[in-house]
Amino acid sequence: KTTHSFNLFMVNIDGTGLEQITYDAVFDAFPMFSP
């Protein structure tokens, strides 16, 4: 979305329904849900 920043997004496993989750100005990554 913006080359100069990484954020978290979510998408359906068929590739539809893309949604932005985080909005940091630089870097968000390595997400993991608890079991």
All heavy atoms as atom14 arrays in JSON, in Angstrom:
{
  "sequence": "KTTHSFNLFMVNIDGTGLEQITYDAVFDAFPMFSP",
  "atom14_mask": [
    [1, 1, 1, 1, 1, 1, 1, 1, 1, 0, 0, 0, 0, 0],
    [1, 1, 1, 1, 1, 1, 1, 0, 0, 0, 0, 0, 0, 0],
    [1, 1, 1, 1, 1, 1, 1, 0, 0, 0, 0, 0, 0, 0],
    [1, 1, 1, 1, 1, 1, 1, 1, 1, 1, 0, 0, 0, 0],
    [1, 1, 1, 1, 1, 1, 0, 0, 0, 0, 0, 0, 0, 0],
    [1, 1, 1, 1, 1, 1, 1, 1, 1, 1, 1, 0, 0, 0],
    [1, 1, 1, 1, 1, 1, 1, 1, 0, 0, 0, 0, 0, 0],
    [1, 1, 1, 1, 1, 1, 1, 1, 0, 0, 0, 0, 0, 0],
    [1, 1, 1, 1, 1, 1, 1, 1, 1, 1, 1, 0, 0, 0],
    [1, 1, 1, 1, 1, 1, 1, 1, 0, 0, 0, 0, 0, 0],
    [1, 1, 1, 1, 1, 1, 1, 0, 0, 0, 0, 0, 0, 0],
    [1, 1, 1, 1, 1, 1, 1, 1, 0, 0, 0, 0, 0, 0],
    [1, 1, 1, 1, 1, 1, 1, 1, 0, 0, 0, 0, 0, 0],
    [1, 1, 1, 1, 1, 1, 1, 1, 0, 0, 0, 0, 0, 0],
    [1, 1, 1, 1, 0, 0, 0, 0, 0, 0, 0, 0, 0, 0],
    [1, 1, 1, 1, 1, 1, 1, 0, 0, 0, 0, 0, 0, 0],
    [1, 1, 1, 1, 0, 0, 0, 0, 0, 0, 0, 0, 0, 0],
    [1, 1, 1, 1, 1, 1, 1, 1, 0, 0, 0, 0, 0, 0],
    [1, 1, 1, 1, 1, 1, 1, 1, 1, 0, 0, 0, 0, 0],
    [1, 1, 1, 1, 1, 1, 1, 1, 1, 0, 0, 0, 0, 0],
    [1, 1, 1, 1, 1, 1, 1, 1, 0, 0, 0, 0, 0, 0],
    [1, 1, 1, 1, 1, 1, 1, 0, 0, 0, 0, 0, 0, 0],
    [1, 1, 1, 1, 1, 1, 1, 1, 1, 1, 1, 1, 0, 0],
    [1, 1, 1, 1, 1, 1, 1, 1, 0, 0, 0, 0, 0, 0],
    [1, 1, 1, 1, 1, 0, 0, 0, 0, 0, 0, 0, 0, 0],
    [1, 1, 1, 1, 1, 1, 1, 0, 0, 0, 0, 0, 0, 0],
    [1, 1, 1, 1, 1, 1, 1, 1, 1, 1, 1, 0, 0, 0],
    [1, 1, 1, 1, 1, 1, 1, 1, 0, 0, 0, 0, 0, 0],
    [1, 1, 1, 1, 1, 0, 0, 0, 0, 0, 0, 0, 0, 0],
    [1, 1, 1, 1, 1, 1, 1, 1, 1, 1, 1, 0, 0, 0],
    [1, 1, 1, 1, 1, 1, 1, 0, 0, 0, 0, 0, 0, 0],
    [1, 1, 1, 1, 1, 1, 1, 1, 0, 0, 0, 0, 0, 0],
    [1, 1, 1, 1, 1, 1, 1, 1, 1, 1, 1, 0, 0, 0],
    [1, 1, 1, 1, 1, 1, 0, 0, 0, 0, 0, 0, 0, 0],
    [1, 1, 1, 1, 1, 1, 1, 0, 0, 0, 0, 0, 0, 0]
  ],
  "atom14_positions": [
    [[0.83, -1.21, 0.0], [0.0, 0.0, 0.0], [0.86, 1.25, 0.0], [0.58, 2.22, -0.73], [-0.93, -0.01, 1.21], [-2.03, 1.04, 1.17], [-3.0, 0.82, 2.32], [-4.14, 1.85, 2.25], [-5.11, 1.64, 3.36], [0.0, 0.0, 0.0], [0.0, 0.0, 0.0], [0.0, 0.0, 0.0], [0.0, 0.0, 0.0], [0.0, 0.0, 0.0]],
    [[1.88, 1.27, 0.83], [2.85, 2.36, 0.87], [4.23, 1.73, 0.98], [4.55, 1.1, 1.98], [2.61, 3.28, 2.08], [2.58, 2.5, 3.28], [1.31, 4.04, 1.94], [0.0, 0.0, 0.0], [0.0, 0.0, 0.0], [0.0, 0.0, 0.0], [0.0, 0.0, 0.0], [0.0, 0.0, 0.0], [0.0, 0.0, 0.0], [0.0, 0.0, 0.0]],
    [[5.04, 1.9, -0.05], [6.33, 1.22, -0.13], [7.2, 1.5, 1.09], [7.98, 0.65, 1.52], [7.07, 1.65, -1.4], [6.23, 1.41, -2.53], [8.37, 0.88, -1.57], [0.0, 0.0, 0.0], [0.0, 0.0, 0.0], [0.0, 0.0, 0.0], [0.0, 0.0, 0.0], [0.0, 0.0, 0.0], [0.0, 0.0, 0.0], [0.0, 0.0, 0.0]],
    [[7.06, 2.69, 1.7], [7.95, 3.09, 2.78], [7.48, 2.63, 4.16], [8.05, 3.02, 5.17], [8.15, 4.61, 2.79], [6.88, 5.39, 2.95], [6.15, 5.82, 1.88], [6.22, 5.81, 4.05], [5.09, 6.49, 2.31], [5.11, 6.49, 3.62], [0.0, 0.0, 0.0], [0.0, 0.0, 0.0], [0.0, 0.0, 0.0], [0.0, 0.0, 0.0]],
    [[6.44, 1.81, 4.23], [6.04, 1.29, 5.55], [5.39, -0.08, 5.41], [4.71, -0.36, 4.42], [5.07, 2.25, 6.25], [3.85, 2.36, 5.53], [0.0, 0.0, 0.0], [0.0, 0.0, 0.0], [0.0, 0.0, 0.0], [0.0, 0.0, 0.0], [0.0, 0.0, 0.0], [0.0, 0.0, 0.0], [0.0, 0.0, 0.0], [0.0, 0.0, 0.0]],
    [[5.64, -0.93, 6.41], [5.03, -2.25, 6.48], [3.96, -2.25, 7.56], [4.21, -1.82, 8.69], [6.07, -3.32, 6.81], [6.9, -3.74, 5.63], [7.97, -2.98, 5.21], [6.6, -4.9, 4.94], [8.73, -3.35, 4.11], [7.35, -5.29, 3.84], [8.42, -4.51, 3.43], [0.0, 0.0, 0.0], [0.0, 0.0, 0.0], [0.0, 0.0, 0.0]],
    [[2.79, -2.75, 7.22], [1.72, -2.93, 8.19], [1.14, -4.32, 8.08], [1.44, -5.07, 7.14], [0.64, -1.86, 7.99], [0.97, -0.56, 8.7], [0.93, -0.47, 9.92], [1.32, 0.45, 7.92], [0.0, 0.0, 0.0], [0.0, 0.0, 0.0], [0.0, 0.0, 0.0], [0.0, 0.0, 0.0], [0.0, 0.0, 0.0], [0.0, 0.0, 0.0]],
    [[0.3, -4.67, 9.06], [-0.37, -5.96, 9.05], [-1.69, -5.85, 8.29], [-2.42, -4.87, 8.44], [-0.64, -6.44, 10.47], [0.58, -6.61, 11.37], [0.16, -7.18, 12.73], [1.64, -7.49, 10.73], [0.0, 0.0, 0.0], [0.0, 0.0, 0.0], [0.0, 0.0, 0.0], [0.0, 0.0, 0.0], [0.0, 0.0, 0.0], [0.0, 0.0, 0.0]],
    [[-1.95, -6.87, 7.47], [-3.2, -6.96, 6.72], [-3.78, -8.35, 6.93], [-3.07, -9.28, 7.35], [-2.94, -6.73, 5.23], [-2.49, -5.33, 4.89], [-1.17, -4.95, 5.05], [-3.39, -4.4, 4.41], [-0.74, -3.67, 4.76], [-2.97, -3.1, 4.11], [-1.65, -2.74, 4.28], [0.0, 0.0, 0.0], [0.0, 0.0, 0.0], [0.0, 0.0, 0.0]],
    [[-5.06, -8.51, 6.62], [-5.69, -9.83, 6.68], [-6.47, -10.06, 5.4], [-7.06, -9.13, 4.83], [-6.6, -9.94, 7.9], [-6.98, -11.37, 8.25], [-7.41, -11.55, 10.02], [-8.75, -10.39, 10.16], [0.0, 0.0, 0.0], [0.0, 0.0, 0.0], [0.0, 0.0, 0.0], [0.0, 0.0, 0.0], [0.0, 0.0, 0.0], [0.0, 0.0, 0.0]],
    [[-6.47, -11.31, 4.95], [-7.14, -11.65, 3.7], [-7.75, -13.03, 3.83], [-7.25, -13.87, 4.59], [-6.13, -11.6, 2.52], [-5.09, -12.72, 2.64], [-6.83, -11.64, 1.17], [0.0, 0.0, 0.0], [0.0, 0.0, 0.0], [0.0, 0.0, 0.0], [0.0, 0.0, 0.0], [0.0, 0.0, 0.0], [0.0, 0.0, 0.0], [0.0, 0.0, 0.0]],
    [[-8.86, -13.27, 3.15], [-9.45, -14.6, 3.12], [-8.51, -15.55, 2.37], [-7.74, -15.12, 1.51], [-10.81, -14.58, 2.42], [-11.84, -13.75, 3.17], [-11.82, -13.7, 4.4], [-12.72, -13.1, 2.43], [0.0, 0.0, 0.0], [0.0, 0.0, 0.0], [0.0, 0.0, 0.0], [0.0, 0.0, 0.0], [0.0, 0.0, 0.0], [0.0, 0.0, 0.0]],
    [[-8.6, -16.84, 2.66], [-7.68, -17.79, 2.04], [-7.95, -17.97, 0.55], [-7.13, -18.59, -0.14], [-7.68, -19.15, 2.76], [-9.07, -19.79, 2.74], [-7.16, -19.02, 4.18], [-9.09, -21.2, 3.3], [0.0, 0.0, 0.0], [0.0, 0.0, 0.0], [0.0, 0.0, 0.0], [0.0, 0.0, 0.0], [0.0, 0.0, 0.0], [0.0, 0.0, 0.0]],
    [[-9.05, -17.4, 0.05], [-9.26, -17.41, -1.41], [-8.78, -16.11, -2.05], [-8.98, -15.89, -3.25], [-10.73, -17.66, -1.75], [-11.66, -16.55, -1.25], [-11.17, -15.57, -0.65], [-12.88, -16.66, -1.47], [0.0, 0.0, 0.0], [0.0, 0.0, 0.0], [0.0, 0.0, 0.0], [0.0, 0.0, 0.0], [0.0, 0.0, 0.0], [0.0, 0.0, 0.0]],
    [[-8.15, -15.23, -1.25], [-7.58, -13.99, -1.77], [-8.51, -12.8, -1.74], [-8.11, -11.68, -2.11], [0.0, 0.0, 0.0], [0.0, 0.0, 0.0], [0.0, 0.0, 0.0], [0.0, 0.0, 0.0], [0.0, 0.0, 0.0], [0.0, 0.0, 0.0], [0.0, 0.0, 0.0], [0.0, 0.0, 0.0], [0.0, 0.0, 0.0], [0.0, 0.0, 0.0]],
    [[-9.74, -12.98, -1.28], [-10.7, -11.88, -1.22], [-10.68, -11.22, 0.16], [-10.09, -11.74, 1.11], [-12.12, -12.38, -1.51], [-12.52, -13.31, -0.47], [-12.19, -13.08, -2.86], [0.0, 0.0, 0.0], [0.0, 0.0, 0.0], [0.0, 0.0, 0.0], [0.0, 0.0, 0.0], [0.0, 0.0, 0.0], [0.0, 0.0, 0.0], [0.0, 0.0, 0.0]],
    [[-11.36, -10.09, 0.26], [-11.61, -9.47, 1.56], [-10.38, -8.88, 2.24], [-10.25, -8.96, 3.47], [0.0, 0.0, 0.0], [0.0, 0.0, 0.0], [0.0, 0.0, 0.0], [0.0, 0.0, 0.0], [0.0, 0.0, 0.0], [0.0, 0.0, 0.0], [0.0, 0.0, 0.0], [0.0, 0.0, 0.0], [0.0, 0.0, 0.0], [0.0, 0.0, 0.0]],
    [[-9.48, -8.27, 1.48], [-8.28, -7.68, 2.07], [-8.65, -6.57, 3.05], [-9.45, -5.69, 2.74], [-7.38, -7.12, 0.96], [-6.05, -6.52, 1.41], [-5.13, -7.61, 1.95], [-5.39, -5.78, 0.25], [0.0, 0.0, 0.0], [0.0, 0.0, 0.0], [0.0, 0.0, 0.0], [0.0, 0.0, 0.0], [0.0, 0.0, 0.0], [0.0, 0.0, 0.0]],
    [[-8.04, -6.61, 4.24], [-8.33, -5.62, 5.29], [-7.04, -5.22, 5.99], [-6.23, -6.07, 6.35], [-9.31, -6.21, 6.32], [-9.64, -5.27, 7.46], [-10.52, -5.92, 8.53], [-10.76, -7.14, 8.45], [-10.96, -5.19, 9.44], [0.0, 0.0, 0.0], [0.0, 0.0, 0.0], [0.0, 0.0, 0.0], [0.0, 0.0, 0.0], [0.0, 0.0, 0.0]],
    [[-6.85, -3.92, 6.18], [-5.67, -3.44, 6.92], [-5.93, -3.56, 8.41], [-6.99, -3.19, 8.9], [-5.35, -1.99, 6.54], [-4.04, -1.5, 7.15], [-3.54, -0.21, 6.54], [-4.03, 0.21, 5.49], [-2.55, 0.42, 7.16], [0.0, 0.0, 0.0], [0.0, 0.0, 0.0], [0.0, 0.0, 0.0], [0.0, 0.0, 0.0], [0.0, 0.0, 0.0]],
    [[-4.93, -4.06, 9.15], [-5.07, -4.31, 10.59], [-4.31, -3.28, 11.42], [-4.81, -2.8, 12.43], [-4.6, -5.73, 10.95], [-5.39, -6.77, 10.12], [-4.75, -5.99, 12.44], [-6.88, -6.76, 10.37], [0.0, 0.0, 0.0], [0.0, 0.0, 0.0], [0.0, 0.0, 0.0], [0.0, 0.0, 0.0], [0.0, 0.0, 0.0], [0.0, 0.0, 0.0]],
    [[-3.06, -2.96, 11.05], [-2.27, -1.99, 11.81], [-1.92, -0.78, 10.95], [-1.98, -0.84, 9.72], [-0.97, -2.6, 12.37], [-0.11, -2.96, 11.28], [-1.27, -3.82, 13.23], [0.0, 0.0, 0.0], [0.0, 0.0, 0.0], [0.0, 0.0, 0.0], [0.0, 0.0, 0.0], [0.0, 0.0, 0.0], [0.0, 0.0, 0.0], [0.0, 0.0, 0.0]],
    [[-1.53, 0.31, 11.61], [-1.34, 1.58, 10.92], [-0.07, 2.3, 11.39], [-0.03, 3.52, 11.44], [-2.57, 2.47, 11.13], [-3.79, 1.97, 10.41], [-4.59, 0.99, 10.97], [-4.13, 2.46, 9.15], [-5.71, 0.51, 10.29], [-5.25, 1.99, 8.47], [-6.03, 1.01, 9.06], [-7.13, 0.55, 8.38], [0.0, 0.0, 0.0], [0.0, 0.0, 0.0]],
    [[0.98, 1.57, 11.68], [2.22, 2.21, 12.1], [2.9, 2.87, 10.9], [2.71, 2.44, 9.75], [3.16, 1.17, 12.73], [4.4, 1.79, 13.32], [4.26, 2.64, 14.21], [5.52, 1.45, 12.89], [0.0, 0.0, 0.0], [0.0, 0.0, 0.0], [0.0, 0.0, 0.0], [0.0, 0.0, 0.0], [0.0, 0.0, 0.0], [0.0, 0.0, 0.0]],
    [[3.7, 3.9, 11.16], [4.33, 4.65, 10.08], [5.55, 3.96, 9.5], [6.03, 4.33, 8.43], [4.73, 6.04, 10.58], [0.0, 0.0, 0.0], [0.0, 0.0, 0.0], [0.0, 0.0, 0.0], [0.0, 0.0, 0.0], [0.0, 0.0, 0.0], [0.0, 0.0, 0.0], [0.0, 0.0, 0.0], [0.0, 0.0, 0.0], [0.0, 0.0, 0.0]],
    [[6.09, 2.94, 10.18], [7.33, 2.33, 9.72], [7.21, 0.83, 9.53], [7.28, 0.31, 8.43], [8.51, 2.65, 10.68], [9.8, 2.04, 10.15], [8.67, 4.15, 10.83], [0.0, 0.0, 0.0], [0.0, 0.0, 0.0], [0.0, 0.0, 0.0], [0.0, 0.0, 0.0], [0.0, 0.0, 0.0], [0.0, 0.0, 0.0], [0.0, 0.0, 0.0]],
    [[7.01, 0.06, 10.61], [7.18, -1.39, 10.5], [6.34, -2.14, 11.52], [6.48, -1.96, 12.72], [8.66, -1.72, 10.72], [9.0, -3.19, 10.67], [9.17, -3.84, 9.45], [9.16, -3.92, 11.83], [9.49, -5.19, 9.4], [9.48, -5.27, 11.8], [9.65, -5.9, 10.58], [0.0, 0.0, 0.0], [0.0, 0.0, 0.0], [0.0, 0.0, 0.0]],
    [[5.44, -2.99, 11.04], [4.73, -3.99, 11.83], [4.85, -5.32, 11.09], [4.59, -5.38, 9.88], [3.24, -3.66, 12.0], [2.99, -2.46, 12.9], [3.79, -2.24, 13.82], [1.99, -1.76, 12.67], [0.0, 0.0, 0.0], [0.0, 0.0, 0.0], [0.0, 0.0, 0.0], [0.0, 0.0, 0.0], [0.0, 0.0, 0.0], [0.0, 0.0, 0.0]],
    [[5.23, -6.39, 11.79], [5.4, -7.69, 11.12], [5.39, -8.81, 12.14], [5.21, -8.59, 13.33], [6.69, -7.72, 10.31], [0.0, 0.0, 0.0], [0.0, 0.0, 0.0], [0.0, 0.0, 0.0], [0.0, 0.0, 0.0], [0.0, 0.0, 0.0], [0.0, 0.0, 0.0], [0.0, 0.0, 0.0], [0.0, 0.0, 0.0], [0.0, 0.0, 0.0]],
    [[5.6, -10.04, 11.66], [5.68, -11.26, 12.46], [4.46, -11.44, 13.38], [4.61, -11.67, 14.58], [6.97, -11.27, 13.3], [8.22, -11.11, 12.51], [9.0, -9.97, 12.65], [8.63, -12.07, 11.59], [10.17, -9.8, 11.9], [9.79, -11.91, 10.84], [10.56, -10.78, 11.01], [0.0, 0.0, 0.0], [0.0, 0.0, 0.0], [0.0, 0.0, 0.0]],
    [[3.25, -11.37, 12.82], [2.07, -11.6, 13.67], [1.84, -13.08, 13.94], [2.08, -13.92, 13.07], [0.94, -11.02, 12.82], [1.38, -11.3, 11.41], [2.88, -11.11, 11.42], [0.0, 0.0, 0.0], [0.0, 0.0, 0.0], [0.0, 0.0, 0.0], [0.0, 0.0, 0.0], [0.0, 0.0, 0.0], [0.0, 0.0, 0.0], [0.0, 0.0, 0.0]],
    [[1.4, -13.41, 15.13], [1.01, -14.78, 15.45], [-0.11, -14.77, 16.47], [-0.01, -14.13, 17.53], [2.18, -15.59, 16.01], [1.81, -17.04, 16.31], [3.08, -17.94, 17.24], [2.32, -19.58, 17.29], [0.0, 0.0, 0.0], [0.0, 0.0, 0.0], [0.0, 0.0, 0.0], [0.0, 0.0, 0.0], [0.0, 0.0, 0.0], [0.0, 0.0, 0.0]],
    [[-1.2, -15.45, 16.15], [-2.29, -15.61, 17.11], [-1.92, -16.65, 18.16], [-1.27, -17.66, 17.86], [-3.57, -16.07, 16.4], [-4.21, -14.99, 15.56], [-4.04, -14.97, 14.19], [-4.98, -14.02, 16.16], [-4.62, -13.98, 13.42], [-5.59, -13.01, 15.4], [-5.4, -13.0, 14.02], [0.0, 0.0, 0.0], [0.0, 0.0, 0.0], [0.0, 0.0, 0.0]],
    [[-2.32, -16.41, 19.4], [-2.16, -17.42, 20.44], [-3.01, -18.63, 20.08], [-4.01, -18.51, 19.39], [-2.56, -16.85, 21.8], [-3.91, -16.39, 21.78], [0.0, 0.0, 0.0], [0.0, 0.0, 0.0], [0.0, 0.0, 0.0], [0.0, 0.0, 0.0], [0.0, 0.0, 0.0], [0.0, 0.0, 0.0], [0.0, 0.0, 0.0], [0.0, 0.0, 0.0]],
    [[-2.62, -19.82, 20.54], [-3.38, -21.02, 20.19], [-4.86, -20.94, 20.55], [-5.69, -21.53, 19.85], [-2.67, -22.11, 20.99], [-1.25, -21.65, 21.06], [-1.36, -20.16, 21.24], [0.0, 0.0, 0.0], [0.0, 0.0, 0.0], [0.0, 0.0, 0.0], [0.0, 0.0, 0.0], [0.0, 0.0, 0.0], [0.0, 0.0, 0.0], [0.0, 0.0, 0.0]]
  ]
}
